[in-house]
Protein backbone atom coordinates (compact mmCIF):
# COMPACT_ATOMS: atom_id res chain seq x y z
CA MET A 1 31.60 59.87 -10.10
CA PRO A 2 32.23 61.17 -6.57
CA THR A 3 34.83 63.85 -6.12
CA ASP A 4 38.11 63.13 -4.41
CA ALA A 5 36.81 64.99 -1.40
CA ALA A 6 33.83 62.64 -1.15
CA LEU A 7 35.88 59.45 -1.16
CA PRO A 8 37.58 59.89 2.25
CA GLU A 9 34.16 60.52 3.83
CA GLU A 10 32.94 57.22 2.35
CA HIS A 11 35.98 55.35 3.63
CA ASP A 12 35.96 57.12 7.00
CA ASP A 13 32.60 55.46 7.60
CA ILE A 14 34.42 52.17 8.23
CA VAL A 15 34.18 51.08 11.87
CA TYR A 16 37.64 49.68 12.31
CA PRO A 17 37.05 47.91 15.68
CA SER A 18 34.40 45.76 13.98
CA ALA A 19 37.07 44.62 11.52
CA ILE A 20 39.20 43.15 14.33
CA PRO A 21 37.49 39.70 14.29
CA PHE A 22 37.95 39.62 10.50
CA VAL A 23 41.66 40.34 10.89
CA LEU A 24 41.97 37.74 13.67
CA VAL A 25 40.47 35.06 11.41
CA HIS A 26 43.23 35.79 8.90
CA LEU A 27 45.92 35.74 11.59
CA ALA A 28 44.57 32.43 12.90
CA CYS A 29 45.63 30.83 9.61
CA PHE A 30 49.24 31.18 10.78
CA GLY A 31 48.40 28.86 13.67
CA ALA A 32 49.17 26.06 11.22
CA ILE A 33 52.88 26.85 11.75
CA TRP A 34 52.46 25.69 15.33
CA SER A 35 49.93 22.89 14.79
CA GLY A 36 51.34 21.48 11.59
CA VAL A 37 49.33 20.51 8.52
CA THR A 38 47.84 17.02 8.62
CA TRP A 39 46.20 15.28 5.71
CA GLN A 40 42.93 15.11 7.64
CA ALA A 41 43.01 18.90 8.05
CA LEU A 42 43.76 19.43 4.38
CA VAL A 43 40.83 17.21 3.40
CA LEU A 44 38.63 19.25 5.73
CA CYS A 45 39.88 22.49 4.21
CA VAL A 46 39.20 21.42 0.63
CA ALA A 47 35.83 19.86 1.45
CA LEU A 48 34.63 22.82 3.49
CA TYR A 49 35.76 25.29 0.85
CA TRP A 50 33.75 23.68 -1.94
CA LEU A 51 30.77 22.86 0.26
CA ARG A 52 30.49 26.42 1.54
CA ILE A 53 31.19 28.04 -1.83
CA PHE A 54 28.26 26.00 -3.11
CA ALA A 55 26.13 27.15 -0.15
CA ILE A 56 26.99 30.79 -0.85
CA GLY A 57 26.18 30.51 -4.56
CA ALA A 58 23.18 28.20 -4.37
CA GLY A 59 21.87 29.54 -1.06
CA TYR A 60 22.73 33.15 -0.25
CA HIS A 61 22.85 34.18 -3.89
CA ARG A 62 20.62 32.22 -6.24
CA LEU A 63 17.93 31.16 -3.74
CA PHE A 64 17.70 33.82 -1.03
CA SER A 65 18.70 36.88 -3.06
CA HIS A 66 17.14 36.05 -6.43
CA ARG A 67 14.63 33.22 -5.83
CA ALA A 68 15.96 31.45 -8.92
CA TYR A 69 14.42 28.14 -7.82
CA SER A 70 12.19 26.66 -5.16
CA THR A 71 12.88 24.13 -2.44
CA SER A 72 11.51 22.82 0.82
CA ARG A 73 11.68 24.74 4.04
CA ALA A 74 14.04 22.13 5.48
CA PHE A 75 16.55 22.29 2.63
CA ARG A 76 16.34 26.08 2.62
CA PHE A 77 17.37 26.04 6.29
CA VAL A 78 20.25 23.65 5.54
CA LEU A 79 21.55 25.98 2.82
CA ALA A 80 21.22 29.00 5.12
CA LEU A 81 23.03 27.17 7.92
CA LEU A 82 25.90 26.12 5.65
CA ALA A 83 26.19 29.55 4.06
CA GLN A 84 26.16 31.28 7.43
CA SER A 85 28.97 29.01 8.64
CA THR A 86 31.22 31.13 6.39
CA ALA A 87 30.87 34.02 8.88
CA GLN A 88 29.68 36.36 6.11
CA LYS A 89 26.92 37.77 8.30
CA SER A 90 23.33 36.52 8.28
CA VAL A 91 21.21 35.30 5.40
CA LEU A 92 18.86 38.27 5.82
CA TRP A 93 21.70 40.83 5.81
CA TRP A 94 23.43 39.19 2.83
CA ALA A 95 20.27 38.98 0.69
CA ALA A 96 19.19 42.53 1.56
CA LYS A 97 22.55 44.02 0.61
CA HIS A 98 22.75 41.98 -2.57
CA ARG A 99 19.29 43.01 -3.72
CA HIS A 100 20.24 46.62 -3.04
CA HIS A 101 23.41 46.12 -5.11
CA HIS A 102 21.42 44.97 -8.13
CA LEU A 103 18.97 47.83 -7.78
CA HIS A 104 21.81 50.38 -7.91
CA SER A 105 24.63 48.44 -9.54
CA ASP A 106 27.69 50.64 -10.14
CA THR A 107 25.83 53.86 -9.39
CA GLU A 108 26.79 56.13 -6.50
CA HIS A 109 24.19 54.29 -4.40
CA ASP A 110 25.73 50.85 -4.89
CA VAL A 111 26.90 49.24 -1.65
CA HIS A 112 30.11 48.04 -3.30
CA SER A 113 31.23 49.54 -6.61
CA PRO A 114 34.89 49.71 -7.65
CA ARG A 115 33.92 52.55 -10.00
CA HIS A 116 32.81 54.81 -7.17
CA THR A 117 34.60 53.68 -4.01
CA GLY A 118 37.74 51.93 -5.24
CA PHE A 119 38.75 48.31 -5.47
CA LEU A 120 39.69 47.62 -1.84
CA TYR A 121 36.56 49.22 -0.42
CA SER A 122 34.34 47.27 -2.82
CA HIS A 123 36.22 44.07 -2.01
CA LEU A 124 35.82 44.18 1.76
CA GLY A 125 35.88 47.70 3.25
CA TRP A 126 32.16 48.27 2.74
CA ILE A 127 31.31 45.36 5.05
CA PHE A 128 32.61 47.31 8.05
CA SER A 129 30.86 50.56 7.16
CA ARG A 130 28.47 52.00 9.75
CA ARG A 131 25.74 52.52 7.17
CA HIS A 132 25.91 48.87 6.12
CA ASP A 133 25.74 47.46 9.62
CA THR A 134 21.95 47.36 9.43
CA PHE A 135 19.59 46.66 6.54
CA ASP A 136 16.05 47.43 5.44
CA GLU A 137 14.03 44.39 6.49
CA ALA A 138 11.30 45.34 4.02
CA THR A 139 13.63 44.35 1.16
CA VAL A 140 13.71 40.77 2.47
CA ALA A 141 10.18 40.50 3.86
CA ASP A 142 9.77 37.23 1.96
CA LEU A 143 12.60 35.74 4.03
CA ALA A 144 12.00 37.48 7.35
CA ARG A 145 8.64 35.73 7.77
CA TYR A 146 10.47 32.47 8.55
CA PRO A 147 11.36 32.26 12.27
CA GLU A 148 14.28 29.90 11.63
CA LEU A 149 15.92 32.50 9.36
CA LYS A 150 15.24 35.21 11.94
CA TRP A 151 16.88 32.97 14.52
CA LEU A 152 19.94 32.57 12.29
CA HIS A 153 20.07 36.34 11.90
CA LYS A 154 19.98 36.80 15.68
CA TYR A 155 22.78 34.27 16.23
CA GLU A 156 24.69 34.91 13.02
CA LEU A 157 28.04 33.51 14.23
CA ALA A 158 26.62 30.37 15.83
CA PRO A 159 26.94 28.17 12.69
CA ALA A 160 30.57 29.21 12.19
CA ALA A 161 31.40 28.60 15.85
CA VAL A 162 29.84 25.13 15.78
CA LEU A 163 31.70 24.25 12.58
CA ALA A 164 35.00 25.43 14.08
CA LEU A 165 34.41 23.19 17.11
CA LEU A 166 33.61 20.21 14.86
CA CYS A 167 36.82 20.75 12.91
CA PHE A 168 38.78 20.74 16.16
CA LEU A 169 37.07 17.56 17.36
CA ILE A 170 37.72 15.81 14.04
CA ALA A 171 41.34 16.78 13.39
CA GLY A 172 42.61 18.65 16.44
CA TRP A 173 44.38 22.01 16.25
CA SER A 174 45.37 21.42 12.65
CA GLY A 175 41.73 20.78 11.86
CA LEU A 176 40.84 24.13 13.42
CA PHE A 177 43.58 26.24 11.85
CA VAL A 178 43.78 24.55 8.46
CA GLY A 179 40.38 22.92 8.08
CA PHE A 180 38.29 25.79 9.38
CA PHE A 181 40.28 29.03 9.22
CA TRP A 182 42.06 28.38 5.92
CA SER A 183 38.84 27.41 4.16
CA THR A 184 36.96 30.34 5.73
CA VAL A 185 39.49 32.89 4.49
CA LEU A 186 39.54 31.32 1.03
CA VAL A 187 35.74 31.46 0.87
CA TYR A 188 35.83 35.08 2.05
CA HIS A 189 37.98 36.30 -0.78
CA ALA A 190 36.52 34.09 -3.50
CA THR A 191 33.12 35.57 -2.65
CA PHE A 192 34.42 39.14 -2.33
CA CYS A 193 36.12 38.93 -5.72
CA ILE A 194 32.70 38.80 -7.37
CA ASN A 195 31.92 42.23 -5.87
CA SER A 196 35.27 43.71 -6.84
CA LEU A 197 37.23 41.86 -9.53
CA ALA A 198 34.15 40.78 -11.52
CA HIS A 199 33.34 44.48 -11.98
CA VAL A 200 36.87 45.28 -13.15
CA SER A 201 38.33 42.38 -15.14
CA GLY A 202 36.69 40.18 -17.74
CA ARG A 203 34.43 40.34 -20.81
CA LYS A 204 31.06 42.04 -21.22
CA ARG A 205 28.78 40.03 -23.50
CA TYR A 206 25.64 41.95 -22.56
CA VAL A 207 24.77 45.61 -22.04
CA THR A 208 23.69 45.75 -18.40
CA GLY A 209 24.20 49.42 -17.56
CA ASP A 210 26.96 48.55 -15.10
CA ASP A 211 30.52 47.20 -15.05
CA SER A 212 29.71 43.51 -14.48
CA ARG A 213 31.99 41.15 -16.41
CA ASN A 214 32.35 37.46 -17.16
CA ASN A 215 35.54 36.12 -15.64
CA TRP A 216 36.24 32.44 -16.33
CA LEU A 217 38.90 32.13 -13.63
CA LEU A 218 36.52 33.42 -10.96
CA ALA A 219 33.89 31.02 -12.31
CA VAL A 220 36.25 28.12 -11.62
CA PHE A 221 36.91 29.12 -8.01
CA THR A 222 33.32 30.09 -7.23
CA MET A 223 31.51 27.20 -8.93
CA GLY A 224 29.98 29.38 -11.64
CA GLU A 225 29.51 32.74 -9.93
CA GLY A 226 32.18 34.32 -12.15
CA TRP A 227 29.80 34.52 -15.12
CA HIS A 228 28.78 37.82 -13.62
CA ASN A 229 27.80 39.76 -16.74
CA ASN A 230 25.48 36.89 -17.67
CA HIS A 231 23.96 37.10 -14.21
CA HIS A 232 23.36 40.84 -14.43
CA ALA A 233 21.73 40.36 -17.84
CA PHE A 234 19.12 37.99 -16.32
CA GLN A 235 19.40 38.03 -12.54
CA SER A 236 16.77 35.44 -11.67
CA SER A 237 18.34 32.63 -13.72
CA VAL A 238 19.44 29.59 -11.73
CA ARG A 239 22.02 29.02 -14.45
CA GLN A 240 24.75 31.65 -14.71
CA GLY A 241 26.93 29.94 -17.31
CA PHE A 242 24.62 30.56 -20.25
CA ARG A 243 26.73 28.81 -22.90
CA TRP A 244 27.58 25.11 -22.83
CA TRP A 245 31.27 25.83 -22.33
CA GLU A 246 30.69 28.22 -19.40
CA ILE A 247 31.23 25.84 -16.51
CA ASP A 248 28.67 26.31 -13.75
CA PRO A 249 28.95 23.48 -11.17
CA THR A 250 26.44 25.12 -8.83
CA PHE A 251 23.79 24.85 -11.53
CA TYR A 252 24.77 21.25 -12.32
CA ILE A 253 24.32 20.23 -8.68
CA LEU A 254 20.98 22.03 -8.42
CA LYS A 255 19.86 20.37 -11.65
CA ALA A 256 20.79 16.97 -10.24
CA LEU A 257 18.94 17.77 -7.02
CA SER A 258 15.87 18.64 -9.08
CA TRP A 259 15.87 15.12 -10.51
CA VAL A 260 15.32 13.70 -7.03
CA GLY A 261 12.83 16.35 -5.97
CA VAL A 262 15.00 18.30 -3.52
CA VAL A 263 14.64 21.50 -5.56
CA TRP A 264 12.20 22.48 -8.31
CA ASP A 265 10.97 25.36 -10.50
CA LEU A 266 14.46 26.12 -11.76
CA ARG A 267 14.28 29.43 -13.65
CA MET A 268 16.28 29.49 -16.87
CA PRO A 269 17.29 32.44 -19.06
CA PRO A 270 15.03 32.98 -22.08
CA LYS A 271 16.45 32.06 -25.47
CA GLN A 272 16.37 35.72 -26.53
CA VAL A 273 18.60 36.67 -23.59
CA VAL A 274 21.09 33.87 -24.20
CA GLN A 275 21.35 34.86 -27.86
CA ASN A 276 21.53 38.57 -26.95
CA GLU A 277 18.40 39.36 -28.94
CA HIS A 278 16.36 40.84 -26.09
CA GLY A 279 15.37 44.47 -25.68
CA LEU A 280 16.80 46.26 -22.68
CA GLY A 281 14.74 47.72 -19.85
CA ALA A 282 14.42 51.47 -19.38
CA SER A 283 16.73 51.56 -16.36
CA VAL A 284 19.51 49.72 -18.22
CA ILE A 285 19.11 51.98 -21.25
CA ASN A 286 19.32 55.05 -19.01
CA ARG A 287 22.46 53.82 -17.25
CA ALA A 288 24.15 52.94 -20.52
CA ALA A 289 23.12 56.30 -21.99
CA GLU A 290 24.63 58.09 -18.99
CA GLN A 291 27.92 56.28 -19.57
CA LEU A 292 27.84 57.21 -23.26
CA ALA A 293 26.95 60.88 -22.68
CA ALA A 294 29.71 61.19 -20.08
CA HIS A 295 32.30 60.61 -22.83
CA PHE A 296 31.51 64.06 -24.27
CA ASN A 297 32.44 67.33 -22.58
CA SER A 298 29.15 69.20 -22.26
CA GLU A 299 30.78 72.23 -20.64
CA ARG A 300 33.18 72.70 -23.55
CA ILE A 301 30.30 72.34 -26.00
CA ALA A 302 28.25 74.95 -24.10
CA ASN A 303 31.18 77.38 -24.04
CA SER A 304 31.69 76.94 -27.78
CA ILE A 305 28.04 77.73 -28.51
CA ALA A 306 28.08 80.77 -26.22
CA ALA A 307 31.26 82.09 -27.83
CA ALA A 308 29.85 81.68 -31.35
CA LEU A 309 26.58 83.55 -30.75
CA GLN A 310 26.11 87.32 -31.06
CA GLY A 311 24.63 89.36 -28.23
CA SER A 312 21.02 89.39 -29.49
CA GLU A 313 21.16 85.70 -30.46
CA LEU A 314 22.53 84.87 -27.07
CA THR A 315 19.76 86.82 -25.38
CA ALA A 316 17.14 85.03 -27.46
CA LEU A 317 18.63 81.67 -26.58
CA ARG A 318 18.65 82.62 -22.91
CA GLU A 319 14.98 83.51 -23.06
CA ARG A 320 14.07 80.25 -24.76
CA LEU A 321 16.09 78.21 -22.27
CA ALA A 322 14.47 80.07 -19.37
CA ARG A 323 11.01 79.26 -20.72
CA ALA A 324 11.95 75.65 -21.44
CA HIS A 325 12.91 74.83 -17.83
CA ASP A 326 13.72 71.09 -17.96
CA ARG A 327 13.16 70.87 -21.72
CA THR A 328 16.45 72.45 -22.72
CA ALA A 329 17.28 69.43 -24.89
CA GLU A 330 14.23 70.17 -27.05
CA VAL A 331 15.27 73.80 -27.45
CA LEU A 332 18.78 72.95 -28.59
CA ALA A 333 17.53 70.16 -30.85
CA THR A 334 15.20 72.52 -32.76
CA MET A 335 17.37 75.68 -32.86
CA HIS A 336 19.63 76.53 -35.78
CA LEU A 337 23.00 76.92 -34.07
CA PRO A 338 26.33 77.84 -35.62
CA HIS A 339 28.79 75.06 -36.27
CA VAL A 340 30.24 73.91 -32.95
CA PRO A 341 33.48 71.91 -33.26
CA HIS A 342 32.91 69.88 -30.13
CA MET A 343 29.21 69.12 -30.66
CA PRO A 344 28.82 65.47 -31.73
CA SER A 345 26.08 64.48 -34.13
CA ARG A 346 23.49 61.83 -33.35
CA GLU A 347 25.37 59.51 -35.72
CA GLU A 348 28.63 60.08 -33.84
CA LEU A 349 26.97 59.06 -30.59
CA THR A 350 25.68 55.90 -32.24
CA ALA A 351 29.17 55.06 -33.53
CA LYS A 352 30.62 55.65 -30.06
CA ALA A 353 27.92 53.45 -28.52
CA ARG A 354 28.77 50.60 -30.90
CA ALA A 355 32.43 50.90 -29.90
CA MET A 356 31.67 51.01 -26.17
CA PHE A 357 28.98 48.40 -25.71
CA ALA A 358 28.27 44.82 -26.61
CA LYS A 359 25.86 44.23 -29.45
CA THR A 360 22.25 44.89 -28.48
CA LYS A 361 19.00 45.54 -30.33
CA SER A 362 18.53 48.56 -28.05
CA MET A 363 21.61 50.38 -29.36
CA GLU A 364 19.59 53.09 -31.14
CA GLU A 365 17.56 53.71 -28.00
CA ILE A 366 20.76 54.10 -25.97
CA ALA A 367 22.15 56.58 -28.50
CA ASP A 368 18.88 58.55 -28.61
CA ARG A 369 18.71 58.77 -24.83
CA ALA A 370 22.39 59.72 -24.56
CA TYR A 371 21.94 62.47 -27.16
CA GLU A 372 18.97 63.80 -25.20
CA MET A 373 21.01 63.73 -21.99
CA LEU A 374 23.95 65.46 -23.66
CA LEU A 375 21.75 68.23 -25.06
CA ALA A 376 20.07 68.68 -21.67
CA SER A 377 23.46 68.97 -19.97
CA VAL A 378 24.71 71.41 -22.60
CA GLY A 379 21.53 73.45 -22.22
CA ALA A 380 21.90 73.64 -18.45
CA LYS A 381 25.56 74.69 -18.69
CA LEU A 382 24.81 77.07 -21.55
CA ALA A 383 22.16 78.81 -19.47
CA GLY A 384 24.75 79.30 -16.75
CA ALA A 385 27.31 80.56 -19.25
CA VAL A 386 24.74 82.98 -20.69
CA GLU A 387 23.83 84.37 -17.28
CA SER A 388 27.48 85.00 -16.42
CA ARG A 389 28.28 86.61 -19.81
CA PRO A 390 28.34 90.47 -19.76
């Protein structure tokens, strides 16, 4: 967790002038007071909201970021065009940042983590950060080889501008303010809530090593994207509502499109994942173990051990720790130490893990790794305490 001193530096990275167009889009919504709200504009607003939410979920997210299904080059361009009409930057930028998010989800390297940078920054502040203005094209090399997607990246606001003009031509000023701007702002925040709220509020069915949660209300407003913990458990699944009662309209539409050959090779979650019977990967186990180990105060444990040892015993421990280097956990695990009130047993870590995490067949591995991490942390702090002891 970053210190309080580190947080302002993170937030000071926001380039506020670049946020002005974003603010103006919100202010434009009040133009409806002047133009009035016509039924044609309301129809446009509702239709464009759902159409573009689908394009974000099916296009930016499930296709471009995770390659959860295959489609033709023409339909891929249509999805990119519709998704980019939301003015959420280009398809290349969006996919690159999202892939980076999954690689570092809820660590200090995550591009948007409520745990590390706060709710508001994870919701929208990160978008205007200097360090997020560009992206590593190597992370989306599979997309960057298509000239039409490169063209969309170069003219990222062109689709939104054309759509705004069409709304004006169809329904006048009300069509612009209500049809375009209202729906755009609604799509903004529905999408952003997955980055922020879906890592704060909801249920965790799977151990994913991060804070992703299933939120049924977000799933309703995002056509299935709210089943976020499911998604983090198996990222490449085209279906994010794993259970029959988890409504996922984006998947239903893609399934229907597969029947007529528009899309194909829909990737589904394995039965073991759906039933939560799969083993976790090493990175997930490590992240979960870090969360578990952090619940125990390693500094207090180290101080207790140092206080309980006599001078010669302390010297011997110091020598062993010095020789062990990065194997301090092994030293502490094999040494006969006096009873330390704050030192949890391996069984206590397992019990804490069962209380913290969803059921998983990798629970013992998480507890083992957390115990190793805790001992290593205690060893490192104990070495420091020994060196400072007269």
